[in-house]
PDB file of all heavy atoms in Angstrom:
ATOM      1  N   TRP A   1      -0.744  -4.775   4.298  1.00  0.00           N
ATOM      2  CA  TRP A   1       0.326  -3.879   3.869  1.00  0.00           C
ATOM      3  C   TRP A   1       0.289  -3.626   2.362  1.00  0.00           C
ATOM      4  O   TRP A   1       0.327  -2.486   1.912  1.00  0.00           O
ATOM      5  CB  TRP A   1       1.689  -4.464   4.257  1.00  0.00           C
ATOM      6  CG  TRP A   1       1.958  -4.451   5.726  1.00  0.00           C
ATOM      7  CD1 TRP A   1       1.374  -5.236   6.673  1.00  0.00           C
ATOM      8  CD2 TRP A   1       2.887  -3.614   6.415  1.00  0.00           C
ATOM      9  NE1 TRP A   1       1.873  -4.946   7.913  1.00  0.00           N
ATOM     10  CE2 TRP A   1       2.812  -3.950   7.791  1.00  0.00           C
ATOM     11  CE3 TRP A   1       3.785  -2.633   6.006  1.00  0.00           C
ATOM     12  CZ2 TRP A   1       3.591  -3.324   8.748  1.00  0.00           C
ATOM     13  CZ3 TRP A   1       4.572  -2.012   6.965  1.00  0.00           C
ATOM     14  CH2 TRP A   1       4.468  -2.357   8.321  1.00  0.00           C
ATOM     15  N   LEU A   2       0.220  -4.696   1.601  1.00  0.00           N
ATOM     16  CA  LEU A   2       0.247  -4.572   0.145  1.00  0.00           C
ATOM     17  C   LEU A   2      -1.144  -4.521  -0.472  1.00  0.00           C
ATOM     18  O   LEU A   2      -1.303  -4.059  -1.592  1.00  0.00           O
ATOM     19  CB  LEU A   2       1.029  -5.743  -0.462  1.00  0.00           C
ATOM     20  CG  LEU A   2       2.510  -5.798  -0.100  1.00  0.00           C
ATOM     21  CD1 LEU A   2       3.153  -7.058  -0.672  1.00  0.00           C
ATOM     22  CD2 LEU A   2       3.242  -4.567  -0.609  1.00  0.00           C
ATOM     23  N   GLN A   3      -2.129  -5.018   0.260  1.00  0.00           N
ATOM     24  CA  GLN A   3      -3.508  -5.052  -0.224  1.00  0.00           C
ATOM     25  C   GLN A   3      -3.587  -5.627  -1.631  1.00  0.00           C
ATOM     26  O   GLN A   3      -4.143  -5.037  -2.554  1.00  0.00           O
ATOM     27  CB  GLN A   3      -4.133  -3.656  -0.158  1.00  0.00           C
ATOM     28  CG  GLN A   3      -4.254  -3.140   1.278  1.00  0.00           C
ATOM     29  CD  GLN A   3      -5.001  -1.832   1.376  1.00  0.00           C
ATOM     30  OE1 GLN A   3      -4.637  -0.863   0.719  1.00  0.00           O
ATOM     31  NE2 GLN A   3      -6.054  -1.805   2.186  1.00  0.00           N
ATOM     32  N   VAL A   4      -3.031  -6.814  -1.763  1.00  0.00           N
ATOM     33  CA  VAL A   4      -3.037  -7.526  -3.041  1.00  0.00           C
ATOM     34  C   VAL A   4      -4.466  -7.964  -3.357  1.00  0.00           C
ATOM     35  O   VAL A   4      -5.087  -8.675  -2.561  1.00  0.00           O
ATOM     36  CB  VAL A   4      -2.101  -8.754  -2.975  1.00  0.00           C
ATOM     37  CG1 VAL A   4      -2.118  -9.520  -4.286  1.00  0.00           C
ATOM     38  CG2 VAL A   4      -0.689  -8.311  -2.618  1.00  0.00           C
ATOM     39  N   PRO A   5      -5.026  -7.566  -4.503  1.00  0.00           N
ATOM     40  CA  PRO A   5      -6.430  -7.869  -4.801  1.00  0.00           C
ATOM     41  C   PRO A   5      -6.789  -9.355  -4.778  1.00  0.00           C
ATOM     42  O   PRO A   5      -7.861  -9.728  -4.303  1.00  0.00           O
ATOM     43  CB  PRO A   5      -6.632  -7.267  -6.196  1.00  0.00           C
ATOM     44  CG  PRO A   5      -5.650  -6.146  -6.259  1.00  0.00           C
ATOM     45  CD  PRO A   5      -4.444  -6.648  -5.513  1.00  0.00           C
ATOM     46  N   TYR A   6      -5.880 -10.206  -5.295  1.00  0.00           N
ATOM     47  CA  TYR A   6      -6.172 -11.640  -5.333  1.00  0.00           C
ATOM     48  C   TYR A   6      -5.004 -12.432  -4.748  1.00  0.00           C
ATOM     49  O   TYR A   6      -3.868 -12.307  -5.206  1.00  0.00           O
ATOM     50  CB  TYR A   6      -6.441 -12.103  -6.771  1.00  0.00           C
ATOM     51  CG  TYR A   6      -7.738 -11.579  -7.335  1.00  0.00           C
ATOM     52  CD1 TYR A   6      -7.752 -10.428  -8.115  1.00  0.00           C
ATOM     53  CD2 TYR A   6      -8.954 -12.223  -7.082  1.00  0.00           C
ATOM     54  CE1 TYR A   6      -8.941  -9.938  -8.639  1.00  0.00           C
ATOM     55  CE2 TYR A   6     -10.145 -11.732  -7.598  1.00  0.00           C
ATOM     56  CZ  TYR A   6     -10.127 -10.593  -8.369  1.00  0.00           C
ATOM     57  OH  TYR A   6     -11.295 -10.097  -8.877  1.00  0.00           O
ATOM     58  N   TYR A   7      -5.335 -13.236  -3.753  1.00  0.00           N
ATOM     59  CA  TYR A   7      -4.338 -14.112  -3.134  1.00  0.00           C
ATOM     60  C   TYR A   7      -4.830 -15.547  -3.328  1.00  0.00           C
ATOM     61  O   TYR A   7      -5.954 -15.883  -2.972  1.00  0.00           O
ATOM     62  CB  TYR A   7      -4.184 -13.781  -1.656  1.00  0.00           C
ATOM     63  CG  TYR A   7      -3.291 -14.737  -0.896  1.00  0.00           C
ATOM     64  CD1 TYR A   7      -2.058 -15.118  -1.399  1.00  0.00           C
ATOM     65  CD2 TYR A   7      -3.677 -15.259   0.341  1.00  0.00           C
ATOM     66  CE1 TYR A   7      -1.232 -15.988  -0.706  1.00  0.00           C
ATOM     67  CE2 TYR A   7      -2.861 -16.118   1.048  1.00  0.00           C
ATOM     68  CZ  TYR A   7      -1.641 -16.482   0.515  1.00  0.00           C
ATOM     69  OH  TYR A   7      -0.823 -17.352   1.198  1.00  0.00           O
ATOM     70  N   ILE A   8      -3.972 -16.384  -3.909  1.00  0.00           N
ATOM     71  CA  ILE A   8      -4.357 -17.748  -4.263  1.00  0.00           C
ATOM     72  C   ILE A   8      -3.390 -18.731  -3.636  1.00  0.00           C
ATOM     73  O   ILE A   8      -2.172 -18.528  -3.650  1.00  0.00           O
ATOM     74  CB  ILE A   8      -4.363 -17.918  -5.795  1.00  0.00           C
ATOM     75  CG1 ILE A   8      -5.460 -17.022  -6.396  1.00  0.00           C
ATOM     76  CG2 ILE A   8      -4.579 -19.376  -6.198  1.00  0.00           C
ATOM     77  CD1 ILE A   8      -5.367 -16.865  -7.878  1.00  0.00           C
ATOM     78  N   VAL A   9      -3.941 -19.792  -3.065  1.00  0.00           N
ATOM     79  CA  VAL A   9      -3.111 -20.871  -2.536  1.00  0.00           C
ATOM     80  C   VAL A   9      -3.481 -22.151  -3.280  1.00  0.00           C
ATOM     81  O   VAL A   9      -4.650 -22.458  -3.466  1.00  0.00           O
ATOM     82  CB  VAL A   9      -3.294 -21.046  -1.015  1.00  0.00           C
ATOM     83  CG1 VAL A   9      -2.754 -19.848  -0.261  1.00  0.00           C
ATOM     84  CG2 VAL A   9      -4.755 -21.263  -0.646  1.00  0.00           C
ATOM     85  N   TYR A  10      -2.460 -22.870  -3.717  1.00  0.00           N
ATOM     86  CA  TYR A  10      -2.679 -24.079  -4.499  1.00  0.00           C
ATOM     87  C   TYR A  10      -2.072 -25.276  -3.788  1.00  0.00           C
ATOM     88  O   TYR A  10      -0.892 -25.275  -3.441  1.00  0.00           O
ATOM     89  CB  TYR A  10      -2.068 -23.927  -5.895  1.00  0.00           C
ATOM     90  CG  TYR A  10      -2.179 -25.165  -6.761  1.00  0.00           C
ATOM     91  CD1 TYR A  10      -3.332 -25.950  -6.766  1.00  0.00           C
ATOM     92  CD2 TYR A  10      -1.131 -25.554  -7.590  1.00  0.00           C
ATOM     93  CE1 TYR A  10      -3.442 -27.079  -7.565  1.00  0.00           C
ATOM     94  CE2 TYR A  10      -1.226 -26.683  -8.405  1.00  0.00           C
ATOM     95  CZ  TYR A  10      -2.386 -27.440  -8.378  1.00  0.00           C
ATOM     96  OH  TYR A  10      -2.490 -28.557  -9.171  1.00  0.00           O
ATOM     97  N   ASP A  11      -2.899 -26.279  -3.559  1.00  0.00           N
ATOM     98  CA  ASP A  11      -2.461 -27.521  -2.942  1.00  0.00           C
ATOM     99  C   ASP A  11      -2.217 -28.529  -4.059  1.00  0.00           C
ATOM    100  O   ASP A  11      -3.164 -29.116  -4.593  1.00  0.00           O
ATOM    101  CB  ASP A  11      -3.531 -28.029  -1.975  1.00  0.00           C
ATOM    102  CG  ASP A  11      -3.046 -29.217  -1.156  1.00  0.00           C
ATOM    103  OD1 ASP A  11      -2.126 -29.920  -1.609  1.00  0.00           O
ATOM    104  OD2 ASP A  11      -3.596 -29.442  -0.059  1.00  0.00           O
ATOM    105  N   GLY A  12      -0.962 -28.711  -4.424  1.00  0.00           N
ATOM    106  CA  GLY A  12      -0.621 -29.606  -5.515  1.00  0.00           C
ATOM    107  C   GLY A  12      -0.833 -31.067  -5.197  1.00  0.00           C
ATOM    108  O   GLY A  12      -0.913 -31.894  -6.109  1.00  0.00           O
ATOM    109  N   GLU A  13      -0.927 -31.402  -3.910  1.00  0.00           N
ATOM    110  CA  GLU A  13      -1.168 -32.795  -3.542  1.00  0.00           C
ATOM    111  C   GLU A  13      -2.648 -33.130  -3.593  1.00  0.00           C
ATOM    112  O   GLU A  13      -3.044 -34.219  -3.993  1.00  0.00           O
ATOM    113  CB  GLU A  13      -0.600 -33.074  -2.144  1.00  0.00           C
ATOM    114  CG  GLU A  13       0.922 -32.978  -2.069  1.00  0.00           C
ATOM    115  CD  GLU A  13       1.445 -33.363  -0.707  1.00  0.00           C
ATOM    116  OE1 GLU A  13       0.612 -33.709   0.179  1.00  0.00           O
ATOM    117  OE2 GLU A  13       2.675 -33.334  -0.521  1.00  0.00           O
ATOM    118  N   GLN A  14      -3.492 -32.175  -3.183  1.00  0.00           N
ATOM    119  CA  GLN A  14      -4.940 -32.390  -3.211  1.00  0.00           C
ATOM    120  C   GLN A  14      -5.562 -31.925  -4.534  1.00  0.00           C
ATOM    121  O   GLN A  14      -6.758 -32.104  -4.764  1.00  0.00           O
ATOM    122  CB  GLN A  14      -5.599 -31.637  -2.044  1.00  0.00           C
ATOM    123  CG  GLN A  14      -5.146 -32.090  -0.671  1.00  0.00           C
ATOM    124  CD  GLN A  14      -5.489 -33.548  -0.401  1.00  0.00           C
ATOM    125  OE1 GLN A  14      -6.559 -34.013  -0.777  1.00  0.00           O
ATOM    126  NE2 GLN A  14      -4.578 -34.261   0.258  1.00  0.00           N
ATOM    127  N   ASP A  15      -4.761 -31.301  -5.368  1.00  0.00           N
ATOM    128  CA  ASP A  15      -5.212 -30.850  -6.686  1.00  0.00           C
ATOM    129  C   ASP A  15      -6.396 -29.893  -6.608  1.00  0.00           C
ATOM    130  O   ASP A  15      -7.418 -30.067  -7.276  1.00  0.00           O
ATOM    131  CB  ASP A  15      -5.571 -32.044  -7.589  1.00  0.00           C
ATOM    132  CG  ASP A  15      -4.356 -32.896  -7.932  1.00  0.00           C
ATOM    133  OD1 ASP A  15      -3.258 -32.322  -7.996  1.00  0.00           O
ATOM    134  OD2 ASP A  15      -4.519 -34.106  -8.118  1.00  0.00           O
ATOM    135  N   ASN A  16      -6.251 -28.872  -5.792  1.00  0.00           N
ATOM    136  CA  ASN A  16      -7.276 -27.830  -5.751  1.00  0.00           C
ATOM    137  C   ASN A  16      -6.623 -26.520  -5.317  1.00  0.00           C
ATOM    138  O   ASN A  16      -5.566 -26.514  -4.697  1.00  0.00           O
ATOM    139  CB  ASN A  16      -8.420 -28.199  -4.795  1.00  0.00           C
ATOM    140  CG  ASN A  16      -7.970 -28.256  -3.355  1.00  0.00           C
ATOM    141  OD1 ASN A  16      -7.763 -27.227  -2.691  1.00  0.00           O
ATOM    142  ND2 ASN A  16      -7.793 -29.468  -2.825  1.00  0.00           N
ATOM    143  N   PHE A  17      -7.262 -25.414  -5.691  1.00  0.00           N
ATOM    144  CA  PHE A  17      -6.748 -24.127  -5.258  1.00  0.00           C
ATOM    145  C   PHE A  17      -7.873 -23.291  -4.674  1.00  0.00           C
ATOM    146  O   PHE A  17      -9.044 -23.450  -5.018  1.00  0.00           O
ATOM    147  CB  PHE A  17      -6.023 -23.390  -6.394  1.00  0.00           C
ATOM    148  CG  PHE A  17      -6.890 -22.933  -7.539  1.00  0.00           C
ATOM    149  CD1 PHE A  17      -7.357 -21.634  -7.595  1.00  0.00           C
ATOM    150  CD2 PHE A  17      -7.216 -23.801  -8.567  1.00  0.00           C
ATOM    151  CE1 PHE A  17      -8.135 -21.191  -8.659  1.00  0.00           C
ATOM    152  CE2 PHE A  17      -7.993 -23.374  -9.636  1.00  0.00           C
ATOM    153  CZ  PHE A  17      -8.452 -22.066  -9.673  1.00  0.00           C
ATOM    154  N   ARG A  18      -7.492 -22.400  -3.766  1.00  0.00           N
ATOM    155  CA  ARG A  18      -8.443 -21.517  -3.099  1.00  0.00           C
ATOM    156  C   ARG A  18      -8.093 -20.073  -3.447  1.00  0.00           C
ATOM    157  O   ARG A  18      -6.924 -19.724  -3.572  1.00  0.00           O
ATOM    158  CB  ARG A  18      -8.400 -21.736  -1.584  1.00  0.00           C
ATOM    159  CG  ARG A  18      -8.791 -23.152  -1.173  1.00  0.00           C
ATOM    160  CD  ARG A  18      -8.492 -23.422   0.287  1.00  0.00           C
ATOM    161  NE  ARG A  18      -9.309 -22.586   1.161  1.00  0.00           N
ATOM    162  CZ  ARG A  18      -9.206 -22.580   2.496  1.00  0.00           C
ATOM    163  NH1 ARG A  18      -8.283 -23.344   3.079  1.00  0.00           N
ATOM    164  NH2 ARG A  18      -9.982 -21.810   3.227  1.00  0.00           N
ATOM    165  N   VAL A  19      -9.136 -19.271  -3.575  1.00  0.00           N
ATOM    166  CA  VAL A  19      -8.962 -17.884  -3.995  1.00  0.00           C
ATOM    167  C   VAL A  19      -9.513 -16.955  -2.929  1.00  0.00           C
ATOM    168  O   VAL A  19     -10.643 -17.124  -2.462  1.00  0.00           O
ATOM    169  CB  VAL A  19      -9.685 -17.619  -5.328  1.00  0.00           C
ATOM    170  CG1 VAL A  19      -9.498 -16.162  -5.755  1.00  0.00           C
ATOM    171  CG2 VAL A  19      -9.181 -18.563  -6.409  1.00  0.00           C
ATOM    172  N   PHE A  20      -8.714 -15.960  -2.561  1.00  0.00           N
ATOM    173  CA  PHE A  20      -9.134 -14.949  -1.597  1.00  0.00           C
ATOM    174  C   PHE A  20      -9.086 -13.584  -2.286  1.00  0.00           C
ATOM    175  O   PHE A  20      -8.052 -13.193  -2.818  1.00  0.00           O
ATOM    176  CB  PHE A  20      -8.229 -14.971  -0.363  1.00  0.00           C
ATOM    177  CG  PHE A  20      -8.232 -16.291   0.357  1.00  0.00           C
ATOM    178  CD1 PHE A  20      -7.305 -17.278   0.017  1.00  0.00           C
ATOM    179  CD2 PHE A  20      -9.171 -16.558   1.336  1.00  0.00           C
ATOM    180  CE1 PHE A  20      -7.308 -18.501   0.666  1.00  0.00           C
ATOM    181  CE2 PHE A  20      -9.184 -17.785   1.992  1.00  0.00           C
ATOM    182  CZ  PHE A  20      -8.248 -18.762   1.649  1.00  0.00           C
ATOM    183  N   GLU A  21     -10.215 -12.896  -2.272  1.00  0.00           N
ATOM    184  CA  GLU A  21     -10.314 -11.582  -2.903  1.00  0.00           C
ATOM    185  C   GLU A  21     -10.399 -10.511  -1.824  1.00  0.00           C
ATOM    186  O   GLU A  21     -11.073 -10.685  -0.802  1.00  0.00           O
ATOM    187  CB  GLU A  21     -11.550 -11.505  -3.801  1.00  0.00           C
ATOM    188  CG  GLU A  21     -11.675 -10.177  -4.533  1.00  0.00           C
ATOM    189  CD  GLU A  21     -12.901 -10.112  -5.419  1.00  0.00           C
ATOM    190  OE1 GLU A  21     -13.798 -10.981  -5.261  1.00  0.00           O
ATOM    191  OE2 GLU A  21     -12.985  -9.207  -6.270  1.00  0.00           O
ATOM    192  N   LEU A  22      -9.712  -9.401  -2.060  1.00  0.00           N
ATOM    193  CA  LEU A  22      -9.706  -8.315  -1.083  1.00  0.00           C
ATOM    194  C   LEU A  22     -11.023  -7.535  -1.173  1.00  0.00           C
ATOM    195  O   LEU A  22     -11.341  -6.958  -2.213  1.00  0.00           O
ATOM    196  CB  LEU A  22      -8.521  -7.390  -1.355  1.00  0.00           C
ATOM    197  CG  LEU A  22      -8.161  -6.414  -0.236  1.00  0.00           C
ATOM    198  CD1 LEU A  22      -7.600  -7.165   0.972  1.00  0.00           C
ATOM    199  CD2 LEU A  22      -7.140  -5.385  -0.729  1.00  0.00           C
ATOM    200  N   GLU A  23     -11.765  -7.529  -0.089  1.00  0.00           N
ATOM    201  CA  GLU A  23     -13.016  -6.774  -0.003  1.00  0.00           C
ATOM    202  C   GLU A  23     -13.034  -6.028   1.325  1.00  0.00           C
ATOM    203  O   GLU A  23     -12.878  -6.638   2.383  1.00  0.00           O
ATOM    204  CB  GLU A  23     -14.228  -7.697  -0.096  1.00  0.00           C
ATOM    205  CG  GLU A  23     -14.405  -8.352  -1.460  1.00  0.00           C
ATOM    206  CD  GLU A  23     -15.688  -9.156  -1.533  1.00  0.00           C
ATOM    207  OE1 GLU A  23     -16.472  -9.117  -0.556  1.00  0.00           O
ATOM    208  OE2 GLU A  23     -15.908  -9.837  -2.553  1.00  0.00           O
ATOM    209  N   ASN A  24     -13.192  -4.715   1.231  1.00  0.00           N
ATOM    210  CA  ASN A  24     -13.183  -3.878   2.441  1.00  0.00           C
ATOM    211  C   ASN A  24     -11.936  -4.128   3.281  1.00  0.00           C
ATOM    212  O   ASN A  24     -12.000  -4.246   4.512  1.00  0.00           O
ATOM    213  CB  ASN A  24     -14.447  -4.131   3.272  1.00  0.00           C
ATOM    214  CG  ASN A  24     -15.709  -3.777   2.517  1.00  0.00           C
ATOM    215  OD1 ASN A  24     -15.756  -2.779   1.799  1.00  0.00           O
ATOM    216  ND2 ASN A  24     -16.739  -4.612   2.655  1.00  0.00           N
ATOM    217  N   ASN A  25     -10.789  -4.227   2.579  1.00  0.00           N
ATOM    218  CA  ASN A  25      -9.478  -4.384   3.223  1.00  0.00           C
ATOM    219  C   ASN A  25      -9.306  -5.703   3.961  1.00  0.00           C
ATOM    220  O   ASN A  25      -8.423  -5.824   4.811  1.00  0.00           O
ATOM    221  CB  ASN A  25      -9.194  -3.217   4.172  1.00  0.00           C
ATOM    222  CG  ASN A  25      -9.167  -1.883   3.452  1.00  0.00           C
ATOM    223  OD1 ASN A  25      -8.712  -1.793   2.319  1.00  0.00           O
ATOM    224  ND2 ASN A  25      -9.669  -0.849   4.109  1.00  0.00           N
ATOM    225  N   ARG A  26     -10.135  -6.682   3.645  1.00  0.00           N
ATOM    226  CA  ARG A  26     -10.006  -8.007   4.249  1.00  0.00           C
ATOM    227  C   ARG A  26     -10.208  -9.060   3.176  1.00  0.00           C
ATOM    228  O   ARG A  26     -10.989  -8.879   2.250  1.00  0.00           O
ATOM    229  CB  ARG A  26     -11.031  -8.217   5.376  1.00  0.00           C
ATOM    230  CG  ARG A  26     -10.736  -7.440   6.646  1.00  0.00           C
ATOM    231  CD  ARG A  26      -9.491  -7.978   7.346  1.00  0.00           C
ATOM    232  NE  ARG A  26      -9.187  -7.292   8.592  1.00  0.00           N
ATOM    233  CZ  ARG A  26      -8.428  -6.228   8.701  1.00  0.00           C
ATOM    234  NH1 ARG A  26      -7.888  -5.689   7.612  1.00  0.00           N
ATOM    235  NH2 ARG A  26      -8.179  -5.681   9.873  1.00  0.00           N
ATOM    236  N   TYR A  27      -9.496 -10.169   3.311  1.00  0.00           N
ATOM    237  CA  TYR A  27      -9.647 -11.250   2.347  1.00  0.00           C
ATOM    238  C   TYR A  27     -10.922 -12.040   2.614  1.00  0.00           C
ATOM    239  O   TYR A  27     -11.199 -12.441   3.753  1.00  0.00           O
ATOM    240  CB  TYR A  27      -8.444 -12.190   2.383  1.00  0.00           C
ATOM    241  CG  TYR A  27      -7.254 -11.689   1.600  1.00  0.00           C
ATOM    242  CD1 TYR A  27      -5.968 -11.789   2.109  1.00  0.00           C
ATOM    243  CD2 TYR A  27      -7.423 -11.132   0.334  1.00  0.00           C
ATOM    244  CE1 TYR A  27      -4.876 -11.333   1.374  1.00  0.00           C
ATOM    245  CE2 TYR A  27      -6.348 -10.668  -0.399  1.00  0.00           C
ATOM    246  CZ  TYR A  27      -5.081 -10.777   0.131  1.00  0.00           C
ATOM    247  OH  TYR A  27      -4.009 -10.316  -0.595  1.00  0.00           O
ATOM    248  N   GLN A  28     -11.688 -12.246   1.541  1.00  0.00           N
ATOM    249  CA  GLN A  28     -12.872 -13.079   1.585  1.00  0.00           C
ATOM    250  C   GLN A  28     -12.680 -14.200   0.569  1.00  0.00           C
ATOM    251  O   GLN A  28     -12.302 -13.938  -0.585  1.00  0.00           O
ATOM    252  CB  GLN A  28     -14.131 -12.276   1.239  1.00  0.00           C
ATOM    253  CG  GLN A  28     -14.391 -11.088   2.141  1.00  0.00           C
ATOM    254  CD  GLN A  28     -14.699 -11.496   3.572  1.00  0.00           C
ATOM    255  OE1 GLN A  28     -15.291 -12.562   3.798  1.00  0.00           O
ATOM    256  NE2 GLN A  28     -14.313 -10.679   4.529  1.00  0.00           N
ATOM    257  N   GLU A  29     -12.938 -15.433   0.974  1.00  0.00           N
ATOM    258  CA  GLU A  29     -12.745 -16.546   0.052  1.00  0.00           C
ATOM    259  C   GLU A  29     -13.851 -16.577  -0.994  1.00  0.00           C
ATOM    260  O   GLU A  29     -15.031 -16.449  -0.678  1.00  0.00           O
ATOM    261  CB  GLU A  29     -12.689 -17.880   0.796  1.00  0.00           C
ATOM    262  CG  GLU A  29     -12.354 -19.049  -0.112  1.00  0.00           C
ATOM    263  CD  GLU A  29     -11.970 -20.312   0.641  1.00  0.00           C
ATOM    264  OE1 GLU A  29     -12.050 -20.319   1.888  1.00  0.00           O
ATOM    265  OE2 GLU A  29     -11.584 -21.296  -0.022  1.00  0.00           O
ATOM    266  N   LEU A  30     -13.439 -16.732  -2.242  1.00  0.00           N
ATOM    267  CA  LEU A  30     -14.383 -16.823  -3.349  1.00  0.00           C
ATOM    268  C   LEU A  30     -14.768 -18.277  -3.590  1.00  0.00           C
ATOM    269  O   LEU A  30     -13.944 -19.181  -3.440  1.00  0.00           O
ATOM    270  CB  LEU A  30     -13.769 -16.260  -4.635  1.00  0.00           C
ATOM    271  CG  LEU A  30     -13.514 -14.752  -4.719  1.00  0.00           C
ATOM    272  CD1 LEU A  30     -12.914 -14.429  -6.084  1.00  0.00           C
ATOM    273  CD2 LEU A  30     -14.798 -13.973  -4.518  1.00  0.00           C
TER     274      LEU A  30
END
């Protein structure tokens, strides 16, 4: 719906974050 270019999720307990970039209208993990 919004086609947000970068979607990030951060796990504060595991101390790491994952990045998903919009490519061809679908999120691909970087």
